[in-house]
Amino acid sequence: MYSCAGGIFLKKVEAIIRPFKLDEVKGALVNAGIIGMTVTEVRGFGRQKGQTERYRGSEYTVEFLQKLKVEVVVDDDLVATVIDKIAMAARTGEIGDGKIFVSPVDGVVRIRTGEKNQVAL
């Protein structure tokens, strides 16, 4: 198990957002000085419970909606800023805007150099 030494506190902020909001979210984070993010195409459902669509006159239900997962690892003191920037940029006001999750990170290692924790970000 890798552990953070010296009182270093890192958090991973994961946001599930609508795909068309990615550019706005990225811009908001970059403008706030946040560098580095991982984006993954994901599918899922929440309260929205899918949606009904039409194809060639037939209706069908899409149960798992296409979303993006944006992941950012930051110092503990930047978490509130990251959450605010993502929430403001990703919000449409409609059901299905997504969720933001925050998790502790025990440590980070840059593979190329072996740097650890904040310097590895």
N, C-alpha and C. Protein backbone atom coordinates (compact mmCIF):
# COMPACT_ATOMS: atom_id res chain seq x y z
N MET A 1 0.85 -1.19 0.00
CA MET A 1 0.00 0.00 0.00
C MET A 1 0.88 1.23 0.00
N TYR A 2 0.60 2.15 -0.88
CA TYR A 2 1.35 3.39 -0.97
C TYR A 2 0.71 4.40 -0.05
N SER A 3 1.49 5.09 0.76
CA SER A 3 0.89 6.09 1.66
C SER A 3 1.54 7.44 1.46
N CYS A 4 0.76 8.47 1.68
CA CYS A 4 1.25 9.84 1.59
C CYS A 4 2.00 10.16 2.86
N ALA A 5 3.16 10.74 2.72
CA ALA A 5 3.95 11.10 3.88
C ALA A 5 3.90 12.61 4.09
N GLY A 6 4.17 13.02 5.32
CA GLY A 6 4.34 14.43 5.61
C GLY A 6 3.08 15.27 5.53
N GLY A 7 1.90 14.70 5.82
CA GLY A 7 0.68 15.49 5.85
C GLY A 7 0.21 15.98 4.49
N ILE A 8 0.54 15.26 3.45
CA ILE A 8 0.12 15.64 2.10
C ILE A 8 -1.29 15.09 1.88
N PHE A 9 -2.19 15.97 1.45
CA PHE A 9 -3.57 15.56 1.24
C PHE A 9 -3.97 15.84 -0.20
N LEU A 10 -4.26 14.78 -0.92
CA LEU A 10 -4.71 14.88 -2.31
C LEU A 10 -6.11 14.31 -2.41
N LYS A 11 -6.87 14.84 -3.34
CA LYS A 11 -8.23 14.36 -3.59
C LYS A 11 -8.43 14.13 -5.08
N LYS A 12 -9.23 13.14 -5.40
CA LYS A 12 -9.64 12.92 -6.78
C LYS A 12 -11.09 13.37 -6.90
N VAL A 13 -11.32 14.28 -7.82
CA VAL A 13 -12.67 14.76 -8.11
C VAL A 13 -13.10 14.09 -9.40
N GLU A 14 -14.19 13.33 -9.34
CA GLU A 14 -14.75 12.66 -10.51
C GLU A 14 -16.10 13.29 -10.80
N ALA A 15 -16.29 13.70 -12.04
CA ALA A 15 -17.56 14.31 -12.43
C ALA A 15 -18.14 13.53 -13.60
N ILE A 16 -19.41 13.17 -13.48
CA ILE A 16 -20.14 12.55 -14.59
C ILE A 16 -20.95 13.67 -15.22
N ILE A 17 -20.66 13.97 -16.49
CA ILE A 17 -21.28 15.12 -17.15
C ILE A 17 -21.86 14.74 -18.51
N ARG A 18 -22.64 15.64 -19.06
CA ARG A 18 -23.15 15.47 -20.42
C ARG A 18 -21.99 15.69 -21.40
N PRO A 19 -21.90 14.88 -22.46
CA PRO A 19 -20.78 14.99 -23.41
C PRO A 19 -20.60 16.38 -24.01
N PHE A 20 -21.68 17.07 -24.34
CA PHE A 20 -21.55 18.36 -25.01
C PHE A 20 -21.06 19.46 -24.06
N LYS A 21 -20.93 19.17 -22.78
CA LYS A 21 -20.45 20.15 -21.80
C LYS A 21 -18.95 20.05 -21.56
N LEU A 22 -18.26 19.12 -22.21
CA LEU A 22 -16.84 18.91 -21.94
C LEU A 22 -15.99 20.15 -22.21
N ASP A 23 -16.18 20.81 -23.33
CA ASP A 23 -15.36 21.98 -23.64
C ASP A 23 -15.54 23.08 -22.60
N GLU A 24 -16.76 23.27 -22.13
CA GLU A 24 -17.01 24.30 -21.11
C GLU A 24 -16.33 23.93 -19.79
N VAL A 25 -16.42 22.65 -19.41
CA VAL A 25 -15.80 22.19 -18.17
C VAL A 25 -14.28 22.33 -18.27
N LYS A 26 -13.71 21.88 -19.38
CA LYS A 26 -12.26 21.99 -19.56
C LYS A 26 -11.82 23.45 -19.50
N GLY A 27 -12.51 24.31 -20.19
CA GLY A 27 -12.18 25.73 -20.19
C GLY A 27 -12.24 26.34 -18.79
N ALA A 28 -13.26 26.00 -18.05
CA ALA A 28 -13.41 26.53 -16.69
C ALA A 28 -12.26 26.07 -15.79
N LEU A 29 -11.86 24.80 -15.92
CA LEU A 29 -10.76 24.29 -15.09
C LEU A 29 -9.42 24.91 -15.49
N VAL A 30 -9.17 25.00 -16.79
CA VAL A 30 -7.92 25.60 -17.26
C VAL A 30 -7.84 27.06 -16.82
N ASN A 31 -8.94 27.81 -16.95
CA ASN A 31 -8.96 29.21 -16.52
C ASN A 31 -8.73 29.37 -15.02
N ALA A 32 -9.05 28.32 -14.25
CA ALA A 32 -8.84 28.35 -12.80
C ALA A 32 -7.43 27.87 -12.43
N GLY A 33 -6.62 27.54 -13.45
CA GLY A 33 -5.25 27.11 -13.19
C GLY A 33 -5.10 25.63 -12.92
N ILE A 34 -6.14 24.86 -13.17
CA ILE A 34 -6.08 23.41 -12.97
C ILE A 34 -5.53 22.79 -14.25
N ILE A 35 -4.43 22.05 -14.12
CA ILE A 35 -3.87 21.40 -15.30
C ILE A 35 -3.96 19.89 -15.14
N GLY A 36 -4.27 19.24 -16.23
CA GLY A 36 -4.35 17.79 -16.24
C GLY A 36 -5.72 17.27 -15.86
N MET A 37 -6.25 16.44 -16.71
CA MET A 37 -7.52 15.77 -16.44
C MET A 37 -7.57 14.51 -17.28
N THR A 38 -8.38 13.59 -16.86
CA THR A 38 -8.63 12.37 -17.62
C THR A 38 -10.11 12.35 -17.96
N VAL A 39 -10.43 12.03 -19.20
CA VAL A 39 -11.82 11.98 -19.65
C VAL A 39 -12.08 10.59 -20.21
N THR A 40 -13.17 9.98 -19.75
CA THR A 40 -13.55 8.64 -20.19
C THR A 40 -15.00 8.65 -20.64
N GLU A 41 -15.29 7.99 -21.76
CA GLU A 41 -16.68 7.83 -22.18
C GLU A 41 -17.30 6.73 -21.33
N VAL A 42 -18.45 7.03 -20.72
CA VAL A 42 -19.14 6.08 -19.85
C VAL A 42 -20.62 6.05 -20.21
N ARG A 43 -21.31 5.06 -19.71
CA ARG A 43 -22.76 4.95 -19.87
C ARG A 43 -23.37 4.67 -18.50
N GLY A 44 -24.56 5.20 -18.27
CA GLY A 44 -25.20 4.95 -17.00
C GLY A 44 -26.57 5.58 -16.94
N PHE A 45 -27.19 5.44 -15.77
CA PHE A 45 -28.48 6.08 -15.55
C PHE A 45 -28.62 6.38 -14.07
N GLY A 46 -29.44 7.35 -13.79
CA GLY A 46 -29.76 7.73 -12.41
C GLY A 46 -31.25 7.93 -12.34
N ARG A 47 -31.66 9.04 -11.79
CA ARG A 47 -33.09 9.34 -11.69
C ARG A 47 -33.73 9.48 -13.05
N GLN A 48 -32.92 9.84 -14.04
CA GLN A 48 -33.42 10.02 -15.41
C GLN A 48 -33.96 8.71 -15.98
N LYS A 49 -33.38 7.59 -15.56
CA LYS A 49 -33.82 6.25 -15.96
C LYS A 49 -33.92 6.06 -17.46
N GLY A 50 -32.95 6.58 -18.19
CA GLY A 50 -32.95 6.40 -19.64
C GLY A 50 -33.88 7.37 -20.33
N GLN A 51 -34.05 7.15 -21.62
CA GLN A 51 -34.93 8.01 -22.38
C GLN A 51 -35.50 7.23 -23.56
N THR A 52 -36.65 7.67 -24.03
CA THR A 52 -37.30 7.03 -25.18
C THR A 52 -36.90 7.77 -26.44
N GLU A 53 -36.49 7.01 -27.45
CA GLU A 53 -36.10 7.60 -28.73
C GLU A 53 -36.85 6.91 -29.85
N ARG A 54 -36.84 7.54 -31.01
CA ARG A 54 -37.49 6.98 -32.20
C ARG A 54 -36.46 6.69 -33.26
N TYR A 55 -36.65 5.56 -33.94
CA TYR A 55 -35.81 5.21 -35.08
C TYR A 55 -36.69 4.55 -36.12
N ARG A 56 -36.80 5.19 -37.28
CA ARG A 56 -37.63 4.70 -38.38
C ARG A 56 -39.05 4.37 -37.93
N GLY A 57 -39.61 5.27 -37.16
CA GLY A 57 -41.00 5.15 -36.74
C GLY A 57 -41.24 4.27 -35.53
N SER A 58 -40.21 3.59 -35.04
CA SER A 58 -40.37 2.72 -33.87
C SER A 58 -39.76 3.39 -32.65
N GLU A 59 -40.46 3.26 -31.53
CA GLU A 59 -39.92 3.79 -30.28
C GLU A 59 -39.13 2.71 -29.56
N TYR A 60 -38.05 3.13 -28.94
CA TYR A 60 -37.28 2.22 -28.11
C TYR A 60 -36.68 3.01 -26.94
N THR A 61 -36.36 2.31 -25.88
CA THR A 61 -35.83 2.96 -24.68
C THR A 61 -34.33 2.74 -24.59
N VAL A 62 -33.61 3.84 -24.43
CA VAL A 62 -32.18 3.76 -24.18
C VAL A 62 -32.02 3.82 -22.67
N GLU A 63 -31.65 2.69 -22.05
CA GLU A 63 -31.57 2.62 -20.60
C GLU A 63 -30.29 3.24 -20.05
N PHE A 64 -29.18 3.03 -20.75
CA PHE A 64 -27.91 3.57 -20.30
C PHE A 64 -27.53 4.74 -21.19
N LEU A 65 -27.53 5.93 -20.62
CA LEU A 65 -27.26 7.14 -21.39
C LEU A 65 -25.77 7.40 -21.48
N GLN A 66 -25.36 7.98 -22.60
CA GLN A 66 -23.97 8.30 -22.82
C GLN A 66 -23.59 9.52 -21.99
N LYS A 67 -22.51 9.40 -21.23
CA LYS A 67 -21.99 10.48 -20.40
C LYS A 67 -20.47 10.48 -20.51
N LEU A 68 -19.84 11.47 -19.92
CA LEU A 68 -18.39 11.51 -19.81
C LEU A 68 -18.02 11.56 -18.34
N LYS A 69 -16.93 10.88 -18.00
CA LYS A 69 -16.40 10.98 -16.64
C LYS A 69 -15.10 11.78 -16.73
N VAL A 70 -15.06 12.89 -16.01
CA VAL A 70 -13.89 13.76 -15.94
C VAL A 70 -13.25 13.53 -14.58
N GLU A 71 -11.95 13.21 -14.57
CA GLU A 71 -11.23 12.96 -13.33
C GLU A 71 -10.08 13.95 -13.20
N VAL A 72 -9.98 14.56 -12.01
CA VAL A 72 -8.93 15.53 -11.72
C VAL A 72 -8.40 15.23 -10.32
N VAL A 73 -7.08 15.17 -10.17
CA VAL A 73 -6.47 15.00 -8.85
C VAL A 73 -5.82 16.32 -8.47
N VAL A 74 -6.19 16.83 -7.29
CA VAL A 74 -5.70 18.14 -6.83
C VAL A 74 -5.39 18.11 -5.34
N ASP A 75 -4.66 19.15 -4.89
CA ASP A 75 -4.46 19.35 -3.46
C ASP A 75 -5.81 19.58 -2.80
N ASP A 76 -5.89 19.21 -1.55
CA ASP A 76 -7.13 19.33 -0.78
C ASP A 76 -7.70 20.75 -0.82
N ASP A 77 -6.84 21.76 -0.80
CA ASP A 77 -7.31 23.15 -0.76
C ASP A 77 -7.91 23.63 -2.08
N LEU A 78 -7.78 22.85 -3.16
CA LEU A 78 -8.36 23.23 -4.45
C LEU A 78 -9.67 22.50 -4.76
N VAL A 79 -10.07 21.59 -3.89
CA VAL A 79 -11.27 20.77 -4.16
C VAL A 79 -12.51 21.64 -4.34
N ALA A 80 -12.75 22.58 -3.46
CA ALA A 80 -13.95 23.42 -3.55
C ALA A 80 -13.97 24.20 -4.87
N THR A 81 -12.82 24.71 -5.28
CA THR A 81 -12.74 25.45 -6.54
C THR A 81 -13.08 24.54 -7.72
N VAL A 82 -12.50 23.35 -7.74
CA VAL A 82 -12.75 22.40 -8.83
C VAL A 82 -14.23 22.04 -8.89
N ILE A 83 -14.82 21.76 -7.75
CA ILE A 83 -16.25 21.40 -7.70
C ILE A 83 -17.09 22.56 -8.24
N ASP A 84 -16.82 23.77 -7.78
CA ASP A 84 -17.59 24.94 -8.23
C ASP A 84 -17.47 25.15 -9.73
N LYS A 85 -16.25 25.05 -10.25
CA LYS A 85 -16.02 25.28 -11.68
C LYS A 85 -16.72 24.23 -12.52
N ILE A 86 -16.63 22.96 -12.12
CA ILE A 86 -17.29 21.89 -12.87
C ILE A 86 -18.80 22.05 -12.82
N ALA A 87 -19.33 22.29 -11.62
CA ALA A 87 -20.78 22.40 -11.47
C ALA A 87 -21.35 23.55 -12.29
N MET A 88 -20.66 24.68 -12.28
CA MET A 88 -21.16 25.84 -13.03
C MET A 88 -21.09 25.59 -14.54
N ALA A 89 -20.00 24.97 -14.99
CA ALA A 89 -19.82 24.76 -16.43
C ALA A 89 -20.70 23.63 -16.97
N ALA A 90 -20.99 22.64 -16.15
CA ALA A 90 -21.73 21.46 -16.62
C ALA A 90 -23.25 21.59 -16.46
N ARG A 91 -23.70 22.56 -15.70
CA ARG A 91 -25.12 22.69 -15.37
C ARG A 91 -25.95 23.17 -16.56
N THR A 92 -27.06 22.45 -16.81
CA THR A 92 -28.07 22.92 -17.77
C THR A 92 -29.37 23.23 -17.05
N GLY A 93 -29.52 22.71 -15.83
CA GLY A 93 -30.74 22.89 -15.07
C GLY A 93 -31.76 21.79 -15.31
N GLU A 94 -31.40 20.85 -16.17
CA GLU A 94 -32.31 19.74 -16.49
C GLU A 94 -31.86 18.48 -15.76
N ILE A 95 -32.79 17.54 -15.59
CA ILE A 95 -32.45 16.26 -15.01
C ILE A 95 -31.42 15.58 -15.91
N GLY A 96 -30.43 14.94 -15.29
CA GLY A 96 -29.40 14.26 -16.06
C GLY A 96 -28.12 15.06 -16.22
N ASP A 97 -27.99 16.17 -15.48
CA ASP A 97 -26.77 16.98 -15.57
C ASP A 97 -25.55 16.25 -15.02
N GLY A 98 -25.74 15.30 -14.11
CA GLY A 98 -24.63 14.50 -13.62
C GLY A 98 -24.38 14.62 -12.14
N LYS A 99 -23.22 14.12 -11.73
CA LYS A 99 -22.84 14.09 -10.32
C LYS A 99 -21.35 14.39 -10.22
N ILE A 100 -20.93 14.82 -9.02
CA ILE A 100 -19.52 15.02 -8.71
C ILE A 100 -19.21 14.21 -7.45
N PHE A 101 -18.13 13.44 -7.52
CA PHE A 101 -17.69 12.62 -6.40
C PHE A 101 -16.28 13.05 -5.99
N VAL A 102 -15.99 13.02 -4.69
CA VAL A 102 -14.67 13.36 -4.19
C VAL A 102 -14.16 12.19 -3.35
N SER A 103 -12.91 11.77 -3.65
CA SER A 103 -12.29 10.65 -2.95
C SER A 103 -10.88 11.02 -2.52
N PRO A 104 -10.43 10.46 -1.39
CA PRO A 104 -9.03 10.69 -1.00
C PRO A 104 -8.08 9.92 -1.92
N VAL A 105 -6.89 10.47 -2.12
CA VAL A 105 -5.85 9.81 -2.91
C VAL A 105 -4.66 9.60 -1.97
N ASP A 106 -4.22 8.36 -1.83
CA ASP A 106 -3.12 8.04 -0.92
C ASP A 106 -1.77 8.49 -1.47
N GLY A 107 -1.64 8.57 -2.78
CA GLY A 107 -0.36 8.99 -3.34
C GLY A 107 -0.39 8.98 -4.85
N VAL A 108 0.59 9.67 -5.43
CA VAL A 108 0.72 9.75 -6.88
C VAL A 108 2.20 9.54 -7.21
N VAL A 109 2.48 8.79 -8.26
CA VAL A 109 3.85 8.61 -8.73
C VAL A 109 3.87 8.86 -10.22
N ARG A 110 4.75 9.77 -10.66
CA ARG A 110 4.95 9.99 -12.10
C ARG A 110 5.85 8.86 -12.59
N ILE A 111 5.35 8.07 -13.49
CA ILE A 111 6.07 6.88 -13.95
C ILE A 111 7.42 7.25 -14.58
N ARG A 112 7.44 8.27 -15.41
CA ARG A 112 8.66 8.62 -16.14
C ARG A 112 9.82 8.99 -15.21
N THR A 113 9.54 9.78 -14.16
CA THR A 113 10.61 10.31 -13.32
C THR A 113 10.67 9.72 -11.91
N GLY A 114 9.59 9.10 -11.47
CA GLY A 114 9.54 8.60 -10.10
C GLY A 114 9.14 9.66 -9.09
N GLU A 115 8.84 10.88 -9.56
CA GLU A 115 8.40 11.94 -8.65
C GLU A 115 7.11 11.52 -7.95
N LYS A 116 6.94 12.03 -6.73
CA LYS A 116 5.80 11.61 -5.93
C LYS A 116 4.95 12.79 -5.47
N ASN A 117 3.68 12.50 -5.29
CA ASN A 117 2.69 13.40 -4.72
C ASN A 117 2.56 14.71 -5.48
N GLN A 118 2.56 15.88 -4.82
CA GLN A 118 2.28 17.15 -5.50
C GLN A 118 3.18 17.39 -6.71
N VAL A 119 4.47 17.09 -6.61
CA VAL A 119 5.35 17.32 -7.75
C VAL A 119 5.04 16.39 -8.91
N ALA A 120 4.37 15.29 -8.65
CA ALA A 120 4.00 14.34 -9.71
C ALA A 120 2.76 14.80 -10.45
N LEU A 121 2.02 15.72 -9.86
CA LEU A 121 0.80 16.20 -10.53
C LEU A 121 1.20 17.11 -11.67
